[in-house]
PDB file of N, CA and C in Angstrom:
ATOM      1  N   VAL A   1     -13.343  41.503 -80.043  1.00  0.00           N
ATOM      2  CA  VAL A   1     -14.410  41.798 -79.090  1.00  0.00           C
ATOM      3  C   VAL A   1     -14.032  43.061 -78.312  1.00  0.00           C
ATOM      4  N   GLN A   2     -14.965  43.974 -78.251  1.00  0.00           N
ATOM      5  CA  GLN A   2     -14.760  45.178 -77.448  1.00  0.00           C
ATOM      6  C   GLN A   2     -15.708  45.121 -76.260  1.00  0.00           C
ATOM      7  N   LEU A   3     -15.196  45.498 -75.099  1.00  0.00           N
ATOM      8  CA  LEU A   3     -15.977  45.458 -73.866  1.00  0.00           C
ATOM      9  C   LEU A   3     -16.023  46.842 -73.254  1.00  0.00           C
ATOM     10  N   GLN A   4     -17.212  47.267 -72.860  1.00  0.00           N
ATOM     11  CA  GLN A   4     -17.398  48.579 -72.260  1.00  0.00           C
ATOM     12  C   GLN A   4     -18.084  48.399 -70.915  1.00  0.00           C
ATOM     13  N   ALA A   5     -17.351  48.638 -69.844  1.00  0.00           N
ATOM     14  CA  ALA A   5     -17.908  48.494 -68.498  1.00  0.00           C
ATOM     15  C   ALA A   5     -18.460  49.822 -68.009  1.00  0.00           C
ATOM     16  N   SER A   6     -19.516  49.754 -67.231  1.00  0.00           N
ATOM     17  CA  SER A   6     -20.128  50.957 -66.663  1.00  0.00           C
ATOM     18  C   SER A   6     -20.868  50.591 -65.385  1.00  0.00           C
ATOM     19  N   GLY A   7     -21.307  51.614 -64.663  1.00  0.00           N
ATOM     20  CA  GLY A   7     -22.131  51.383 -63.490  1.00  0.00           C
ATOM     21  C   GLY A   7     -21.431  51.596 -62.162  1.00  0.00           C
ATOM     22  N   GLY A   8     -20.132  51.865 -62.194  1.00  0.00           N
ATOM     23  CA  GLY A   8     -19.423  52.093 -60.946  1.00  0.00           C
ATOM     24  C   GLY A   8     -19.834  53.416 -60.313  1.00  0.00           C
ATOM     25  N   GLY A   9     -19.380  53.632 -59.090  1.00  0.00           N
ATOM     26  CA  GLY A   9     -19.703  54.875 -58.403  1.00  0.00           C
ATOM     27  C   GLY A   9     -19.335  54.804 -56.945  1.00  0.00           C
ATOM     28  N   LEU A  10     -19.829  55.779 -56.207  1.00  0.00           N
ATOM     29  CA  LEU A  10     -19.591  55.873 -54.766  1.00  0.00           C
ATOM     30  C   LEU A  10     -20.856  55.449 -54.042  1.00  0.00           C
ATOM     31  N   VAL A  11     -20.713  54.546 -53.090  1.00  0.00           N
ATOM     32  CA  VAL A  11     -21.867  54.055 -52.337  1.00  0.00           C
ATOM     33  C   VAL A  11     -21.449  53.823 -50.891  1.00  0.00           C
ATOM     34  N   GLN A  12     -22.397  53.958 -49.983  1.00  0.00           N
ATOM     35  CA  GLN A  12     -22.103  53.693 -48.575  1.00  0.00           C
ATOM     36  C   GLN A  12     -22.091  52.193 -48.305  1.00  0.00           C
ATOM     37  N   ALA A  13     -21.381  51.809 -47.286  1.00  0.00           N
ATOM     38  CA  ALA A  13     -21.348  50.407 -46.878  1.00  0.00           C
ATOM     39  C   ALA A  13     -22.774  49.909 -46.647  1.00  0.00           C
ATOM     40  N   GLY A  14     -23.038  48.706 -47.134  1.00  0.00           N
ATOM     41  CA  GLY A  14     -24.380  48.138 -47.048  1.00  0.00           C
ATOM     42  C   GLY A  14     -25.236  48.412 -48.264  1.00  0.00           C
ATOM     43  N   GLY A  15     -24.776  49.311 -49.120  1.00  0.00           N
ATOM     44  CA  GLY A  15     -25.528  49.669 -50.310  1.00  0.00           C
ATOM     45  C   GLY A  15     -25.315  48.699 -51.461  1.00  0.00           C
ATOM     46  N   SER A  16     -25.894  49.061 -52.602  1.00  0.00           N
ATOM     47  CA  SER A  16     -25.847  48.198 -53.781  1.00  0.00           C
ATOM     48  C   SER A  16     -25.447  48.996 -55.017  1.00  0.00           C
ATOM     49  N   LEU A  17     -24.872  48.287 -55.955  1.00  0.00           N
ATOM     50  CA  LEU A  17     -24.564  48.821 -57.275  1.00  0.00           C
ATOM     51  C   LEU A  17     -24.737  47.694 -58.283  1.00  0.00           C
ATOM     52  N   ARG A  18     -25.043  48.063 -59.528  1.00  0.00           N
ATOM     53  CA  ARG A  18     -25.069  47.077 -60.600  1.00  0.00           C
ATOM     54  C   ARG A  18     -24.124  47.519 -61.695  1.00  0.00           C
ATOM     55  N   LEU A  19     -23.152  46.689 -61.979  1.00  0.00           N
ATOM     56  CA  LEU A  19     -22.224  46.951 -63.062  1.00  0.00           C
ATOM     57  C   LEU A  19     -22.729  46.299 -64.342  1.00  0.00           C
ATOM     58  N   SER A  20     -22.442  46.941 -65.451  1.00  0.00           N
ATOM     59  CA  SER A  20     -22.788  46.398 -66.759  1.00  0.00           C
ATOM     60  C   SER A  20     -21.540  46.333 -67.624  1.00  0.00           C
ATOM     61  N   CYS A  21     -21.526  45.384 -68.539  1.00  0.00           N
ATOM     62  CA  CYS A  21     -20.421  45.256 -69.484  1.00  0.00           C
ATOM     63  C   CYS A  21     -21.023  44.893 -70.836  1.00  0.00           C
ATOM     64  N   ALA A  22     -20.968  45.843 -71.750  1.00  0.00           N
ATOM     65  CA  ALA A  22     -21.523  45.630 -73.083  1.00  0.00           C
ATOM     66  C   ALA A  22     -20.441  45.100 -74.014  1.00  0.00           C
ATOM     67  N   ALA A  23     -20.737  44.007 -74.682  1.00  0.00           N
ATOM     68  CA  ALA A  23     -19.791  43.399 -75.620  1.00  0.00           C
ATOM     69  C   ALA A  23     -20.208  43.703 -77.053  1.00  0.00           C
ATOM     70  N   SER A  24     -19.238  43.999 -77.893  1.00  0.00           N
ATOM     71  CA  SER A  24     -19.516  44.257 -79.305  1.00  0.00           C
ATOM     72  C   SER A  24     -18.414  43.622 -80.146  1.00  0.00           C
ATOM     73  N   GLY A  25     -18.685  43.538 -81.452  1.00  0.00           N
ATOM     74  CA  GLY A  25     -17.721  42.904 -82.337  1.00  0.00           C
ATOM     75  C   GLY A  25     -17.980  41.420 -82.429  1.00  0.00           C
ATOM     76  N   ARG A  26     -16.977  40.675 -82.848  1.00  0.00           N
ATOM     77  CA  ARG A  26     -17.135  39.240 -83.004  1.00  0.00           C
ATOM     78  C   ARG A  26     -17.255  38.565 -81.653  1.00  0.00           C
ATOM     79  N   THR A  27     -18.283  37.762 -81.483  1.00  0.00           N
ATOM     80  CA  THR A  27     -18.441  36.984 -80.264  1.00  0.00           C
ATOM     81  C   THR A  27     -18.521  35.500 -80.630  1.00  0.00           C
ATOM     82  N   PHE A  28     -18.433  34.636 -79.642  1.00  0.00           N
ATOM     83  CA  PHE A  28     -18.372  33.208 -79.859  1.00  0.00           C
ATOM     84  C   PHE A  28     -19.548  32.522 -79.180  1.00  0.00           C
ATOM     85  N   SER A  29     -19.964  31.407 -79.702  1.00  0.00           N
ATOM     86  CA  SER A  29     -21.099  30.703 -79.125  1.00  0.00           C
ATOM     87  C   SER A  29     -20.724  30.040 -77.804  1.00  0.00           C
ATOM     88  N   THR A  30     -19.484  29.658 -77.654  1.00  0.00           N
ATOM     89  CA  THR A  30     -18.986  29.086 -76.400  1.00  0.00           C
ATOM     90  C   THR A  30     -17.975  30.059 -75.810  1.00  0.00           C
ATOM     91  N   TYR A  31     -18.238  30.510 -74.612  1.00  0.00           N
ATOM     92  CA  TYR A  31     -17.382  31.537 -74.024  1.00  0.00           C
ATOM     93  C   TYR A  31     -17.520  31.537 -72.507  1.00  0.00           C
ATOM     94  N   ILE A  32     -16.691  32.316 -71.896  1.00  0.00           N
ATOM     95  CA  ILE A  32     -16.842  32.627 -70.482  1.00  0.00           C
ATOM     96  C   ILE A  32     -16.623  34.122 -70.320  1.00  0.00           C
ATOM     97  N   MET A  33     -17.426  34.719 -69.493  1.00  0.00           N
ATOM     98  CA  MET A  33     -17.294  36.139 -69.186  1.00  0.00           C
ATOM     99  C   MET A  33     -17.153  36.286 -67.685  1.00  0.00           C
ATOM    100  N   GLY A  34     -16.326  37.225 -67.291  1.00  0.00           N
ATOM    101  CA  GLY A  34     -16.099  37.367 -65.861  1.00  0.00           C
ATOM    102  C   GLY A  34     -15.855  38.790 -65.429  1.00  0.00           C
ATOM    103  N   TRP A  35     -15.875  38.972 -64.136  1.00  0.00           N
ATOM    104  CA  TRP A  35     -15.537  40.245 -63.489  1.00  0.00           C
ATOM    105  C   TRP A  35     -14.310  40.018 -62.617  1.00  0.00           C
ATOM    106  N   PHE A  36     -13.398  40.937 -62.714  1.00  0.00           N
ATOM    107  CA  PHE A  36     -12.218  40.960 -61.871  1.00  0.00           C
ATOM    108  C   PHE A  36     -12.152  42.334 -61.224  1.00  0.00           C
ATOM    109  N   ARG A  37     -11.353  42.466 -60.179  1.00  0.00           N
ATOM    110  CA  ARG A  37     -11.181  43.773 -59.561  1.00  0.00           C
ATOM    111  C   ARG A  37      -9.742  43.931 -59.093  1.00  0.00           C
ATOM    112  N   GLN A  38      -9.359  45.186 -59.019  1.00  0.00           N
ATOM    113  CA  GLN A  38      -8.020  45.510 -58.541  1.00  0.00           C
ATOM    114  C   GLN A  38      -8.100  46.704 -57.617  1.00  0.00           C
ATOM    115  N   ALA A  39      -7.775  46.474 -56.364  1.00  0.00           N
ATOM    116  CA  ALA A  39      -7.724  47.547 -55.387  1.00  0.00           C
ATOM    117  C   ALA A  39      -6.349  48.203 -55.443  1.00  0.00           C
ATOM    118  N   ALA A  40      -6.281  49.418 -54.962  1.00  0.00           N
ATOM    119  CA  ALA A  40      -5.025  50.161 -54.986  1.00  0.00           C
ATOM    120  C   ALA A  40      -3.936  49.391 -54.243  1.00  0.00           C
ATOM    121  N   GLY A  41      -2.812  49.197 -54.910  1.00  0.00           N
ATOM    122  CA  GLY A  41      -1.689  48.525 -54.292  1.00  0.00           C
ATOM    123  C   GLY A  41      -1.795  47.021 -54.223  1.00  0.00           C
ATOM    124  N   LYS A  42      -2.838  46.464 -54.822  1.00  0.00           N
ATOM    125  CA  LYS A  42      -3.030  45.012 -54.786  1.00  0.00           C
ATOM    126  C   LYS A  42      -3.090  44.446 -56.195  1.00  0.00           C
ATOM    127  N   GLU A  43      -2.954  43.136 -56.287  1.00  0.00           N
ATOM    128  CA  GLU A  43      -3.049  42.474 -57.572  1.00  0.00           C
ATOM    129  C   GLU A  43      -4.511  42.310 -57.980  1.00  0.00           C
ATOM    130  N   ARG A  44      -4.708  42.182 -59.283  1.00  0.00           N
ATOM    131  CA  ARG A  44      -6.051  41.941 -59.788  1.00  0.00           C
ATOM    132  C   ARG A  44      -6.537  40.580 -59.289  1.00  0.00           C
ATOM    133  N   GLU A  45      -7.804  40.519 -58.882  1.00  0.00           N
ATOM    134  CA  GLU A  45      -8.348  39.270 -58.373  1.00  0.00           C
ATOM    135  C   GLU A  45      -9.673  38.932 -59.040  1.00  0.00           C
ATOM    136  N   PHE A  46      -9.956  37.664 -59.090  1.00  0.00           N
ATOM    137  CA  PHE A  46     -11.195  37.170 -59.660  1.00  0.00           C
ATOM    138  C   PHE A  46     -12.371  37.508 -58.748  1.00  0.00           C
ATOM    139  N   VAL A  47     -13.493  37.872 -59.356  1.00  0.00           N
ATOM    140  CA  VAL A  47     -14.706  38.172 -58.593  1.00  0.00           C
ATOM    141  C   VAL A  47     -15.804  37.159 -58.920  1.00  0.00           C
ATOM    142  N   ALA A  48     -16.141  37.056 -60.186  1.00  0.00           N
ATOM    143  CA  ALA A  48     -17.233  36.160 -60.593  1.00  0.00           C
ATOM    144  C   ALA A  48     -17.139  35.893 -62.082  1.00  0.00           C
ATOM    145  N   ALA A  49     -17.739  34.777 -62.515  1.00  0.00           N
ATOM    146  CA  ALA A  49     -17.742  34.443 -63.930  1.00  0.00           C
ATOM    147  C   ALA A  49     -19.003  33.675 -64.280  1.00  0.00           C
ATOM    148  N   ILE A  50     -19.343  33.727 -65.556  1.00  0.00           N
ATOM    149  CA  ILE A  50     -20.480  32.966 -66.059  1.00  0.00           C
ATOM    150  C   ILE A  50     -20.110  32.394 -67.408  1.00  0.00           C
ATOM    151  N   SER A  51     -20.458  31.126 -67.621  1.00  0.00           N
ATOM    152  CA  SER A  51     -20.153  30.497 -68.897  1.00  0.00           C
ATOM    153  C   SER A  51     -21.330  30.641 -69.850  1.00  0.00           C
ATOM    154  N   SER A  52     -21.093  30.326 -71.117  1.00  0.00           N
ATOM    155  CA  SER A  52     -22.172  30.380 -72.103  1.00  0.00           C
ATOM    156  C   SER A  52     -23.267  29.374 -71.781  1.00  0.00           C
ATOM    157  N   GLY A  53     -22.918  28.347 -71.005  1.00  0.00           N
ATOM    158  CA  GLY A  53     -23.912  27.361 -70.602  1.00  0.00           C
ATOM    159  C   GLY A  53     -24.703  27.765 -69.375  1.00  0.00           C
ATOM    160  N   GLY A  54     -24.316  28.896 -68.782  1.00  0.00           N
ATOM    161  CA  GLY A  54     -25.062  29.408 -67.638  1.00  0.00           C
ATOM    162  C   GLY A  54     -24.460  29.082 -66.284  1.00  0.00           C
ATOM    163  N   SER A  55     -23.362  28.366 -66.247  1.00  0.00           N
ATOM    164  CA  SER A  55     -22.720  28.069 -64.964  1.00  0.00           C
ATOM    165  C   SER A  55     -22.081  29.329 -64.401  1.00  0.00           C
ATOM    166  N   THR A  56     -22.196  29.496 -63.099  1.00  0.00           N
ATOM    167  CA  THR A  56     -21.644  30.679 -62.456  1.00  0.00           C
ATOM    168  C   THR A  56     -20.604  30.288 -61.417  1.00  0.00           C
ATOM    169  N   TYR A  57     -19.667  31.193 -61.204  1.00  0.00           N
ATOM    170  CA  TYR A  57     -18.558  30.954 -60.291  1.00  0.00           C
ATOM    171  C   TYR A  57     -18.317  32.255 -59.525  1.00  0.00           C
ATOM    172  N   TYR A  58     -18.011  32.131 -58.246  1.00  0.00           N
ATOM    173  CA  TYR A  58     -17.806  33.305 -57.400  1.00  0.00           C
ATOM    174  C   TYR A  58     -16.588  33.137 -56.516  1.00  0.00           C
ATOM    175  N   ALA A  59     -15.941  34.247 -56.253  1.00  0.00           N
ATOM    176  CA  ALA A  59     -14.916  34.260 -55.231  1.00  0.00           C
ATOM    177  C   ALA A  59     -15.594  34.121 -53.869  1.00  0.00           C
ATOM    178  N   ASP A  60     -14.904  33.487 -52.933  1.00  0.00           N
ATOM    179  CA  ASP A  60     -15.484  33.299 -51.600  1.00  0.00           C
ATOM    180  C   ASP A  60     -15.872  34.639 -50.967  1.00  0.00           C
ATOM    181  N   SER A  61     -15.089  35.659 -51.253  1.00  0.00           N
ATOM    182  CA  SER A  61     -15.300  36.961 -50.615  1.00  0.00           C
ATOM    183  C   SER A  61     -16.599  37.642 -51.051  1.00  0.00           C
ATOM    184  N   VAL A  62     -17.179  37.218 -52.170  1.00  0.00           N
ATOM    185  CA  VAL A  62     -18.395  37.870 -52.665  1.00  0.00           C
ATOM    186  C   VAL A  62     -19.582  36.913 -52.733  1.00  0.00           C
ATOM    187  N   GLU A  63     -19.350  35.641 -52.493  1.00  0.00           N
ATOM    188  CA  GLU A  63     -20.418  34.644 -52.549  1.00  0.00           C
ATOM    189  C   GLU A  63     -21.567  35.049 -51.635  1.00  0.00           C
ATOM    190  N   GLY A  64     -22.768  35.038 -52.172  1.00  0.00           N
ATOM    191  CA  GLY A  64     -23.941  35.394 -51.390  1.00  0.00           C
ATOM    192  C   GLY A  64     -24.272  36.876 -51.405  1.00  0.00           C
ATOM    193  N   ARG A  65     -23.341  37.699 -51.862  1.00  0.00           N
ATOM    194  CA  ARG A  65     -23.594  39.153 -51.928  1.00  0.00           C
ATOM    195  C   ARG A  65     -23.673  39.649 -53.365  1.00  0.00           C
ATOM    196  N   PHE A  66     -22.896  39.049 -54.245  1.00  0.00           N
ATOM    197  CA  PHE A  66     -22.845  39.455 -55.654  1.00  0.00           C
ATOM    198  C   PHE A  66     -23.532  38.403 -56.513  1.00  0.00           C
ATOM    199  N   THR A  67     -24.156  38.856 -57.592  1.00  0.00           N
ATOM    200  CA  THR A  67     -24.785  37.951 -58.547  1.00  0.00           C
ATOM    201  C   THR A  67     -24.380  38.344 -59.955  1.00  0.00           C
ATOM    202  N   ILE A  68     -23.828  37.389 -60.691  1.00  0.00           N
ATOM    203  CA  ILE A  68     -23.446  37.626 -62.075  1.00  0.00           C
ATOM    204  C   ILE A  68     -24.538  37.083 -62.985  1.00  0.00           C
ATOM    205  N   SER A  69     -24.821  37.817 -64.035  1.00  0.00           N
ATOM    206  CA  SER A  69     -25.831  37.374 -64.995  1.00  0.00           C
ATOM    207  C   SER A  69     -25.508  37.961 -66.360  1.00  0.00           C
ATOM    208  N   GLY A  70     -26.160  37.421 -67.375  1.00  0.00           N
ATOM    209  CA  GLY A  70     -25.936  37.909 -68.729  1.00  0.00           C
ATOM    210  C   GLY A  70     -27.223  37.994 -69.511  1.00  0.00           C
ATOM    211  N   ASP A  71     -27.269  38.910 -70.433  1.00  0.00           N
ATOM    212  CA  ASP A  71     -28.399  39.060 -71.348  1.00  0.00           C
ATOM    213  C   ASP A  71     -27.851  38.843 -72.753  1.00  0.00           C
ATOM    214  N   ASN A  72     -28.068  37.653 -73.300  1.00  0.00           N
ATOM    215  CA  ASN A  72     -27.499  37.327 -74.607  1.00  0.00           C
ATOM    216  C   ASN A  72     -28.061  38.221 -75.709  1.00  0.00           C
ATOM    217  N   ALA A  73     -29.319  38.590 -75.595  1.00  0.00           N
ATOM    218  CA  ALA A  73     -29.937  39.431 -76.629  1.00  0.00           C
ATOM    219  C   ALA A  73     -29.270  40.792 -76.699  1.00  0.00           C
ATOM    220  N   LYS A  74     -28.795  41.267 -75.562  1.00  0.00           N
ATOM    221  CA  LYS A  74     -28.157  42.584 -75.511  1.00  0.00           C
ATOM    222  C   LYS A  74     -26.632  42.480 -75.477  1.00  0.00           C
ATOM    223  N   ASN A  75     -26.114  41.245 -75.484  1.00  0.00           N
ATOM    224  CA  ASN A  75     -24.656  41.050 -75.377  1.00  0.00           C
ATOM    225  C   ASN A  75     -24.093  41.820 -74.189  1.00  0.00           C
ATOM    226  N   THR A  76     -24.787  41.722 -73.088  1.00  0.00           N
ATOM    227  CA  THR A  76     -24.395  42.489 -71.905  1.00  0.00           C
ATOM    228  C   THR A  76     -24.261  41.576 -70.698  1.00  0.00           C
ATOM    229  N   LEU A  77     -23.206  41.827 -69.939  1.00  0.00           N
ATOM    230  CA  LEU A  77     -22.927  41.113 -68.700  1.00  0.00           C
ATOM    231  C   LEU A  77     -23.224  42.043 -67.540  1.00  0.00           C
ATOM    232  N   TYR A  78     -23.762  41.488 -66.463  1.00  0.00           N
ATOM    233  CA  TYR A  78     -24.090  42.296 -65.290  1.00  0.00           C
ATOM    234  C   TYR A  78     -23.425  41.725 -64.043  1.00  0.00           C
ATOM    235  N   LEU A  79     -23.217  42.596 -63.084  1.00  0.00           N
ATOM    236  CA  LEU A  79     -22.799  42.166 -61.754  1.00  0.00           C
ATOM    237  C   LEU A  79     -23.609  42.970 -60.749  1.00  0.00           C
ATOM    238  N   GLN A  80     -24.565  42.321 -60.119  1.00  0.00           N
ATOM    239  CA  GLN A  80     -25.341  42.946 -59.066  1.00  0.00           C
ATOM    240  C   GLN A  80     -24.578  42.779 -57.759  1.00  0.00           C
ATOM    241  N   MET A  81     -24.257  43.893 -57.140  1.00  0.00           N
ATOM    242  CA  MET A  81     -23.459  43.871 -55.914  1.00  0.00           C
ATOM    243  C   MET A  81     -24.301  44.421 -54.772  1.00  0.00           C
ATOM    244  N   ASN A  82     -24.591  43.580 -53.796  1.00  0.00           N
ATOM    245  CA  ASN A  82     -25.368  43.973 -52.621  1.00  0.00           C
ATOM    246  C   ASN A  82     -24.512  43.884 -51.372  1.00  0.00           C
ATOM    247  N   SER A  83     -24.980  44.498 -50.331  1.00  0.00           N
ATOM    248  CA  SER A  83     -24.270  44.473 -49.035  1.00  0.00           C
ATOM    249  C   SER A  83     -22.797  44.825 -49.214  1.00  0.00           C
ATOM    250  N   LEU A  84     -22.554  45.887 -49.920  1.00  0.00           N
ATOM    251  CA  LEU A  84     -21.182  46.272 -50.226  1.00  0.00           C
ATOM    252  C   LEU A  84     -20.408  46.647 -48.973  1.00  0.00           C
ATOM    253  N   LYS A  85     -19.129  46.334 -49.005  1.00  0.00           N
ATOM    254  CA  LYS A  85     -18.229  46.599 -47.884  1.00  0.00           C
ATOM    255  C   LYS A  85     -17.092  47.498 -48.376  1.00  0.00           C
ATOM    256  N   PRO A  86     -16.473  48.231 -47.464  1.00  0.00           N
ATOM    257  CA  PRO A  86     -15.343  49.071 -47.874  1.00  0.00           C
ATOM    258  C   PRO A  86     -14.254  48.274 -48.604  1.00  0.00           C
ATOM    259  N   GLU A  87     -14.071  47.026 -48.240  1.00  0.00           N
ATOM    260  CA  GLU A  87     -13.039  46.212 -48.894  1.00  0.00           C
ATOM    261  C   GLU A  87     -13.411  45.804 -50.315  1.00  0.00           C
ATOM    262  N   ASP A  88     -14.615  46.124 -50.748  1.00  0.00           N
ATOM    263  CA  ASP A  88     -15.001  45.906 -52.144  1.00  0.00           C
ATOM    264  C   ASP A  88     -14.534  47.054 -53.040  1.00  0.00           C
ATOM    265  N   THR A  89     -13.990  48.093 -52.434  1.00  0.00           N
ATOM    266  CA  THR A  89     -13.500  49.236 -53.210  1.00  0.00           C
ATOM    267  C   THR A  89     -12.377  48.799 -54.144  1.00  0.00           C
ATOM    268  N   ALA A  90     -12.550  49.079 -55.425  1.00  0.00           N
ATOM    269  CA  ALA A  90     -11.577  48.652 -56.434  1.00  0.00           C
ATOM    270  C   ALA A  90     -12.024  49.145 -57.801  1.00  0.00           C
ATOM    271  N   ILE A  91     -11.150  48.973 -58.756  1.00  0.00           N
ATOM    272  CA  ILE A  91     -11.551  49.124 -60.155  1.00  0.00           C
ATOM    273  C   ILE A  91     -12.010  47.745 -60.622  1.00  0.00           C
ATOM    274  N   TYR A  92     -13.200  47.702 -61.182  1.00  0.00           N
ATOM    275  CA  TYR A  92     -13.771  46.448 -61.640  1.00  0.00           C
ATOM    276  C   TYR A  92     -13.644  46.350 -63.161  1.00  0.00           C
ATOM    277  N   TYR A  93     -13.156  45.205 -63.605  1.00  0.00           N
ATOM    278  CA  TYR A  93     -12.946  44.945 -65.025  1.00  0.00           C
ATOM    279  C   TYR A  93     -13.805  43.768 -65.469  1.00  0.00           C
ATOM    280  N   CYS A  94     -14.363  43.876 -66.665  1.00  0.00           N
ATOM    281  CA  CYS A  94     -15.011  42.713 -67.242  1.00  0.00           C
ATOM    282  C   CYS A  94     -14.068  42.096 -68.274  1.00  0.00           C
ATOM    283  N   ALA A  95     -14.225  40.803 -68.461  1.00  0.00           N
ATOM    284  CA  ALA A  95     -13.339  40.076 -69.358  1.00  0.00           C
ATOM    285  C   ALA A  95     -14.127  39.005 -70.097  1.00  0.00           C
ATOM    286  N   TYR A  96     -13.619  38.620 -71.257  1.00  0.00           N
ATOM    287  CA  TYR A  96     -14.332  37.688 -72.146  1.00  0.00           C
ATOM    288  C   TYR A  96     -13.309  36.803 -72.833  1.00  0.00           C
ATOM    289  N   GLY A  97     -13.681  35.544 -73.031  1.00  0.00           N
ATOM    290  CA  GLY A  97     -12.787  34.687 -73.770  1.00  0.00           C
ATOM    291  C   GLY A  97     -13.368  33.319 -74.018  1.00  0.00           C
ATOM    292  N   VAL A  98     -12.593  32.499 -74.710  1.00  0.00           N
ATOM    293  CA  VAL A  98     -13.025  31.141 -75.002  1.00  0.00           C
ATOM    294  C   VAL A  98     -12.281  30.165 -74.086  1.00  0.00           C
ATOM    295  N   ARG A  99     -10.977  30.048 -74.253  1.00  0.00           N
ATOM    296  CA  ARG A  99     -10.181  29.190 -73.363  1.00  0.00           C
ATOM    297  C   ARG A  99      -9.521  29.985 -72.257  1.00  0.00           C
ATOM    298  N   ALA A 100      -9.426  31.274 -72.466  1.00  0.00           N
ATOM    299  CA  ALA A 100      -8.847  32.174 -71.466  1.00  0.00           C
ATOM    300  C   ALA A 100      -9.506  33.530 -71.640  1.00  0.00           C
ATOM    301  N   TYR A 101      -9.226  34.420 -70.706  1.00  0.00           N
ATOM    302  CA  TYR A 101      -9.795  35.762 -70.815  1.00  0.00           C
ATOM    303  C   TYR A 101      -8.918  36.583 -71.762  1.00  0.00           C
ATOM    304  N   ASP A 102      -9.301  36.591 -73.026  1.00  0.00           N
ATOM    305  CA  ASP A 102      -8.502  37.240 -74.047  1.00  0.00           C
ATOM    306  C   ASP A 102      -8.819  38.715 -74.223  1.00  0.00           C
ATOM    307  N   PHE A 103      -9.989  39.116 -73.814  1.00  0.00           N
ATOM    308  CA  PHE A 103     -10.435  40.483 -74.046  1.00  0.00           C
ATOM    309  C   PHE A 103     -10.848  41.108 -72.717  1.00  0.00           C
ATOM    310  N   TRP A 104     -10.457  42.378 -72.536  1.00  0.00           N
ATOM    311  CA  TRP A 104     -10.708  43.069 -71.280  1.00  0.00           C
ATOM    312  C   TRP A 104     -11.323  44.439 -71.537  1.00  0.00           C
ATOM    313  N   GLY A 105     -12.236  44.835 -70.659  1.00  0.00           N
ATOM    314  CA  GLY A 105     -12.789  46.173 -70.704  1.00  0.00           C
ATOM    315  C   GLY A 105     -11.872  47.147 -69.994  1.00  0.00           C
ATOM    316  N   GLN A 106     -12.260  48.416 -69.976  1.00  0.00           N
ATOM    317  CA  GLN A 106     -11.389  49.459 -69.462  1.00  0.00           C
ATOM    318  C   GLN A 106     -11.487  49.640 -67.952  1.00  0.00           C
ATOM    319  N   GLY A 107     -12.462  49.057 -67.314  1.00  0.00           N
ATOM    320  CA  GLY A 107     -12.596  49.177 -65.870  1.00  0.00           C
ATOM    321  C   GLY A 107     -13.543  50.282 -65.446  1.00  0.00           C
ATOM    322  N   THR A 108     -14.197  50.052 -64.324  1.00  0.00           N
ATOM    323  CA  THR A 108     -15.081  51.060 -63.736  1.00  0.00           C
ATOM    324  C   THR A 108     -14.825  51.087 -62.240  1.00  0.00           C
ATOM    325  N   GLN A 109     -14.717  52.285 -61.688  1.00  0.00           N
ATOM    326  CA  GLN A 109     -14.342  52.450 -60.277  1.00  0.00           C
ATOM    327  C   GLN A 109     -15.548  52.243 -59.368  1.00  0.00           C
ATOM    328  N   VAL A 110     -15.367  51.421 -58.354  1.00  0.00           N
ATOM    329  CA  VAL A 110     -16.361  51.246 -57.297  1.00  0.00           C
ATOM    330  C   VAL A 110     -15.712  51.663 -55.986  1.00  0.00           C
ATOM    331  N   THR A 111     -16.340  52.602 -55.293  1.00  0.00           N
ATOM    332  CA  THR A 111     -15.828  53.075 -54.016  1.00  0.00           C
ATOM    333  C   THR A 111     -16.925  52.918 -52.969  1.00  0.00           C
ATOM    334  N   VAL A 112     -16.603  52.189 -51.902  1.00  0.00           N
ATOM    335  CA  VAL A 112     -17.555  51.954 -50.824  1.00  0.00           C
ATOM    336  C   VAL A 112     -17.054  52.672 -49.578  1.00  0.00           C
ATOM    337  N   SER A 113     -17.836  53.627 -49.102  1.00  0.00           N
ATOM    338  CA  SER A 113     -17.443  54.392 -47.923  1.00  0.00           C
ATOM    339  C   SER A 113     -17.991  53.729 -46.663  1.00  0.00           C
ATOM    340  N   SER A 114     -17.240  53.870 -45.577  1.00  0.00           N
ATOM    341  CA  SER A 114     -17.665  53.256 -44.310  1.00  0.00           C
ATOM    342  C   SER A 114     -18.526  54.192 -43.510  1.00  0.00           C
TER     343      SER A 114
END
């Protein structure tokens, strides 16, 4: 599975961005896809995930501001990010797997200015 993330950029605090992650290659009928982020000098952290059954999971820090969704026809994962804060600044990675996140995209930079 190859993952290509896009949609990052520079936005002011309070603004919005939508990240996309296009999946190609062999995919599985049962899977989980997620978004992680890594800020400078910090460890990678979980942001949100969605299962093939449609269940969604969010980190407390983004609950109510971010929405994860998927388009199975396009094999694309999305992360709608609203009410962005400077602390959301990070490289965002998408990931895919069956029992674990086995495949990772290259990351897209999100920078939120105050």
